[in-house]
């Protein structure tokens, strides 16, 4: 019986080691829409397919870590801060 082949999952740390940035920076880029949203596994951990990883790493390096990007297109989310 033929069973579909599962694609290898690449977790966030595997991408971070390729781009030499920290988790906070990558998540901020994700929130800003600069990189695609990650899928989540049963534990809630972010993961990507090999094709997505290649696309993300190429994009980051092509834009010199988004320094060559017009950030006006990507407004930051407003964060509500509460003070207790």
Protein backbone atom coordinates (compact mmCIF):
# COMPACT_ATOMS: atom_id res chain seq x y z
CA UNK A 1 0.00 0.00 0.00
CA UNK A 2 1.30 3.44 -0.94
CA UNK A 3 1.48 6.05 1.80
CA UNK A 4 2.08 9.70 0.97
CA UNK A 5 5.58 10.90 1.74
CA UNK A 6 5.72 13.50 4.49
CA UNK A 7 7.77 16.58 3.76
CA UNK A 8 10.56 17.32 6.19
CA UNK A 9 9.69 20.03 8.64
CA UNK A 10 12.18 22.80 9.27
CA UNK A 11 11.77 24.48 12.62
CA UNK A 12 12.56 28.08 13.43
CA UNK A 13 16.01 27.38 14.90
CA UNK A 14 17.10 25.78 11.64
CA UNK A 15 16.21 28.95 9.73
CA UNK A 16 17.75 31.21 12.35
CA UNK A 17 21.10 29.45 12.03
CA UNK A 18 21.08 30.18 8.29
CA UNK A 19 20.21 33.87 8.59
CA UNK A 20 22.13 34.66 11.79
CA UNK A 21 19.29 36.50 13.46
CA UNK A 22 17.40 35.83 16.67
CA UNK A 23 13.89 34.52 17.22
CA UNK A 24 12.45 37.91 18.20
CA UNK A 25 13.62 39.50 14.95
CA UNK A 26 12.18 36.70 12.83
CA UNK A 27 8.82 36.81 14.63
CA UNK A 28 8.70 40.59 14.17
CA UNK A 29 9.31 40.09 10.42
CA UNK A 30 6.49 37.52 10.43
CA UNK A 31 4.11 39.94 12.20
CA UNK A 32 5.01 42.69 9.74
CA UNK A 33 4.27 40.37 6.81
CA UNK A 34 7.84 40.38 5.52
CA UNK A 35 8.06 36.58 5.72
CA UNK A 36 5.17 34.13 5.36
CA UNK A 37 3.31 32.90 8.43
CA UNK A 38 4.59 29.59 9.73
CA UNK A 39 2.51 26.50 10.14
CA UNK A 40 2.29 25.09 13.66
CA UNK A 41 2.78 21.54 14.87
CA UNK A 42 0.80 19.87 17.67
CA UNK A 43 3.03 21.59 20.26
CA UNK A 44 2.50 25.02 18.72
CA UNK A 45 6.04 25.22 17.36
CA UNK A 46 6.56 27.05 14.08
CA UNK A 47 7.71 25.01 11.11
CA UNK A 48 8.24 25.45 7.37
CA UNK A 49 8.71 23.20 4.36
CA UNK A 50 12.04 23.01 2.56
CA UNK A 51 10.63 25.10 -0.30
CA UNK A 52 9.46 27.81 2.14
CA UNK A 53 12.82 27.86 3.92
CA UNK A 54 14.70 28.36 0.67
CA UNK A 55 12.31 31.14 -0.35
CA UNK A 56 12.61 32.89 3.03
CA UNK A 57 16.41 32.68 3.20
CA UNK A 58 16.77 33.89 -0.40
CA UNK A 59 14.40 36.81 0.26
CA UNK A 60 16.23 37.84 3.42
CA UNK A 61 19.63 37.75 1.77
CA UNK A 62 18.39 39.44 -1.43
CA UNK A 63 16.99 42.37 0.56
CA UNK A 64 20.07 42.54 2.82
CA UNK A 65 17.98 41.57 5.86
CA UNK A 66 15.16 43.88 4.71
CA UNK A 67 17.40 46.95 4.74
CA UNK A 68 16.63 47.41 1.03
CA UNK A 69 12.89 47.42 1.61
CA UNK A 70 10.33 50.18 1.82
CA UNK A 71 9.02 49.66 5.34
CA UNK A 72 6.17 52.09 4.77
CA UNK A 73 4.43 49.18 3.04
CA UNK A 74 4.61 47.17 6.26
CA UNK A 75 3.06 49.11 9.13
CA UNK A 76 3.83 47.74 12.57
CA UNK A 77 1.03 46.35 14.65
CA UNK A 78 0.00 48.58 17.49
CA UNK A 79 0.72 46.96 20.80
CA UNK A 80 -1.42 47.64 23.78
CA UNK A 81 0.62 48.01 26.89
CA UNK A 82 -0.93 47.62 30.26
CA UNK A 83 0.61 49.00 33.40
CA UNK A 84 -0.26 47.46 36.73
